[in-house]
Amino acid sequence: MRAPRTGWQHRHMRRLRFHSGPWIRSLLRLEPPVLRKLPAILLLIAAGLTVWVFELGAVLQGQAQVRNWSSTWVGLDLMEIIGLVLTAFLLRRRSAYLSAVAAVTATLFALDAWFDVLTASAGSGWYESLAAAFFAEIPMTVALAALAIWAAHNGCGRPARKAP
């Protein structure tokens, strides 16, 4: 059973009804069809991010002025991949750990956006980082945070097994 909406949620959902398609509303509400497809979507994003990690490792090799700079970025992206895969797995199982893992993964994407923008060089590099933050990392942060909140409010978790 869905928890009653607060005044803030009601106003924003009503406004959303006029400004967006039905797929955005169903995504934000985490309706059953979305929840069935979400693990596969998260795994696809993780696969795409894996390709990006290999390219990033090759491109940053030897270019950075800071020791282990490329390892830092590759490591952050690898943590994001692990978080997405774990979130997809835990969502499929409706695990009690889903809320915590989705929240941590959302935080990793927020950190990625923050450091991408703040460490980018001036000019086109900064604009590329800003575009990646607004169109990839921040939407992932919002979606994963919504999933974490949904999981916490809807009591995701399997009942404990009884010993024989």
Protein backbone atom coordinates (compact mmCIF):
# COMPACT_ATOMS: atom_id res chain seq x y z
CA MET A 1 0.00 0.00 0.00
CA ARG A 2 1.31 3.41 -0.96
CA ALA A 3 1.93 5.96 1.78
CA PRO A 4 -0.28 9.06 1.57
CA ARG A 5 1.31 11.96 -0.27
CA THR A 6 2.36 15.09 1.56
CA GLY A 7 1.24 18.51 0.33
CA TRP A 8 4.61 19.07 -1.34
CA GLN A 9 4.46 15.75 -3.17
CA HIS A 10 0.88 16.33 -4.24
CA ARG A 11 1.63 19.80 -5.67
CA HIS A 12 4.69 18.59 -7.58
CA MET A 13 3.02 15.46 -8.94
CA ARG A 14 0.04 17.55 -10.08
CA ARG A 15 2.38 20.01 -11.81
CA LEU A 16 4.30 17.10 -13.34
CA ARG A 17 1.07 15.78 -14.84
CA PHE A 18 0.88 18.80 -17.12
CA HIS A 19 4.57 19.06 -18.05
CA SER A 20 5.67 15.51 -18.75
CA GLY A 21 4.77 12.30 -20.43
CA PRO A 22 3.32 9.31 -18.62
CA TRP A 23 6.67 7.51 -18.62
CA ILE A 24 8.30 10.19 -16.44
CA ARG A 25 5.44 10.04 -13.94
CA SER A 26 5.63 6.25 -13.78
CA LEU A 27 9.41 6.43 -13.33
CA LEU A 28 9.16 8.89 -10.46
CA ARG A 29 6.37 6.89 -8.83
CA LEU A 30 8.35 3.66 -9.32
CA GLU A 31 5.30 1.82 -10.56
CA PRO A 32 5.47 -1.99 -11.02
CA PRO A 33 6.29 -1.94 -14.76
CA VAL A 34 9.19 0.41 -14.07
CA LEU A 35 10.40 -1.71 -11.16
CA ARG A 36 10.43 -4.80 -13.38
CA LYS A 37 12.55 -3.07 -16.04
CA LEU A 38 14.83 -1.09 -13.72
CA PRO A 39 17.33 -3.87 -12.91
CA ALA A 40 17.99 -4.46 -16.62
CA ILE A 41 18.32 -0.72 -17.23
CA LEU A 42 20.82 -0.37 -14.38
CA LEU A 43 22.86 -3.29 -15.73
CA LEU A 44 22.91 -1.71 -19.21
CA ILE A 45 24.14 1.56 -17.73
CA ALA A 46 26.80 -0.35 -15.78
CA ALA A 47 27.93 -2.06 -19.03
CA GLY A 48 28.21 1.30 -20.79
CA LEU A 49 30.12 2.73 -17.86
CA THR A 50 32.50 -0.24 -18.01
CA VAL A 51 33.39 0.66 -21.59
CA TRP A 52 33.94 4.24 -20.45
CA VAL A 53 36.32 3.09 -17.69
CA PHE A 54 38.57 1.35 -20.21
CA GLU A 55 38.62 4.42 -22.44
CA LEU A 56 39.26 6.69 -19.47
CA GLY A 57 42.15 4.53 -18.32
CA ALA A 58 43.72 4.70 -21.77
CA VAL A 59 43.18 8.43 -22.26
CA LEU A 60 44.34 9.59 -18.83
CA GLN A 61 47.43 7.38 -18.74
CA GLY A 62 50.40 9.69 -18.25
CA GLN A 63 48.49 12.95 -18.86
CA ALA A 64 47.77 13.98 -15.30
CA GLN A 65 50.02 16.19 -13.21
CA VAL A 66 48.87 14.52 -10.00
CA ARG A 67 50.22 11.12 -9.02
CA ASN A 68 47.61 8.33 -9.48
CA TRP A 69 45.08 10.72 -11.03
CA SER A 70 43.92 8.23 -13.66
CA SER A 71 43.62 5.50 -11.02
CA THR A 72 41.43 7.81 -8.94
CA TRP A 73 38.94 8.41 -11.74
CA VAL A 74 38.92 4.80 -12.90
CA GLY A 75 38.44 3.69 -9.29
CA LEU A 76 35.46 6.01 -8.82
CA ASP A 77 33.84 4.76 -12.01
CA LEU A 78 34.45 1.15 -10.97
CA MET A 79 32.73 1.83 -7.65
CA GLU A 80 29.78 3.27 -9.58
CA ILE A 81 29.61 0.13 -11.73
CA ILE A 82 29.68 -2.11 -8.66
CA GLY A 83 26.97 0.04 -7.06
CA LEU A 84 24.74 -0.19 -10.14
CA VAL A 85 25.16 -3.96 -10.41
CA LEU A 86 24.47 -4.44 -6.69
CA THR A 87 21.45 -2.13 -6.86
CA ALA A 88 20.04 -4.07 -9.82
CA PHE A 89 20.62 -7.39 -8.04
CA LEU A 90 19.10 -6.20 -4.77
CA LEU A 91 16.13 -4.61 -6.55
CA ARG A 92 15.37 -7.85 -8.35
CA ARG A 93 15.45 -9.70 -5.00
CA ARG A 94 13.60 -6.90 -3.14
CA SER A 95 16.35 -7.06 -0.54
CA ALA A 96 16.33 -5.11 2.70
CA TYR A 97 19.77 -3.73 1.71
CA LEU A 98 18.43 -2.04 -1.45
CA SER A 99 17.84 1.34 0.17
CA ALA A 100 21.37 1.62 1.58
CA VAL A 101 23.13 0.45 -1.59
CA ALA A 102 21.05 2.72 -3.84
CA ALA A 103 21.76 5.68 -1.54
CA VAL A 104 25.51 5.02 -1.58
CA THR A 105 25.49 4.63 -5.37
CA ALA A 106 23.55 7.89 -5.71
CA THR A 107 26.19 9.58 -3.57
CA LEU A 108 28.97 8.22 -5.79
CA PHE A 109 27.29 9.67 -8.89
CA ALA A 110 26.86 13.03 -7.13
CA LEU A 111 30.55 13.03 -6.21
CA ASP A 112 31.47 12.14 -9.78
CA ALA A 113 29.48 15.12 -11.09
CA TRP A 114 30.96 17.43 -8.48
CA PHE A 115 34.58 16.52 -9.11
CA ASP A 116 34.16 16.30 -12.90
CA VAL A 117 32.98 19.90 -13.05
CA LEU A 118 35.36 21.31 -10.46
CA THR A 119 38.50 19.65 -11.81
CA ALA A 120 37.80 20.22 -15.52
CA SER A 121 40.07 22.59 -17.38
CA ALA A 122 38.60 25.84 -18.66
CA GLY A 123 36.98 25.89 -22.06
CA SER A 124 35.46 22.95 -23.86
CA GLY A 125 36.55 20.46 -21.19
CA TRP A 126 34.52 22.32 -18.58
CA TYR A 127 31.45 22.44 -20.83
CA GLU A 128 31.73 18.71 -21.53
CA SER A 129 31.94 18.01 -17.80
CA LEU A 130 28.95 20.23 -17.15
CA ALA A 131 26.93 18.45 -19.85
CA ALA A 132 27.88 15.04 -18.43
CA ALA A 133 26.84 16.20 -14.97
CA PHE A 134 23.47 17.58 -16.07
CA PHE A 135 22.52 14.82 -18.51
CA ALA A 136 24.06 11.70 -16.95
CA GLU A 137 25.39 11.92 -13.41
CA ILE A 138 22.77 14.15 -11.77
CA PRO A 139 19.81 12.25 -13.32
CA MET A 140 21.38 8.98 -12.08
CA THR A 141 21.78 10.54 -8.64
CA VAL A 142 18.13 11.60 -8.56
CA ALA A 143 16.85 8.24 -9.86
CA LEU A 144 18.93 6.23 -7.39
CA ALA A 145 17.98 8.52 -4.49
CA ALA A 146 14.30 8.12 -5.43
CA LEU A 147 14.79 4.35 -5.50
CA ALA A 148 16.49 4.44 -2.08
CA ILE A 149 13.62 6.45 -0.61
CA TRP A 150 11.03 4.20 -2.25
CA ALA A 151 12.74 1.08 -0.89
CA ALA A 152 12.86 2.52 2.62
CA HIS A 153 9.19 3.57 2.58
CA ASN A 154 7.85 0.41 0.98
CA GLY A 155 9.60 -1.98 3.32
CA CYS A 156 11.68 -3.81 0.76
CA GLY A 157 13.03 -6.90 2.37
CA ARG A 158 12.41 -10.56 2.58
CA PRO A 159 11.16 -12.00 5.81
CA ALA A 160 13.75 -13.83 7.83
CA ARG A 161 13.80 -17.59 7.35
CA LYS A 162 12.80 -19.72 10.24
CA ALA A 163 15.25 -22.36 11.34
CA PRO A 164 13.99 -25.92 10.84
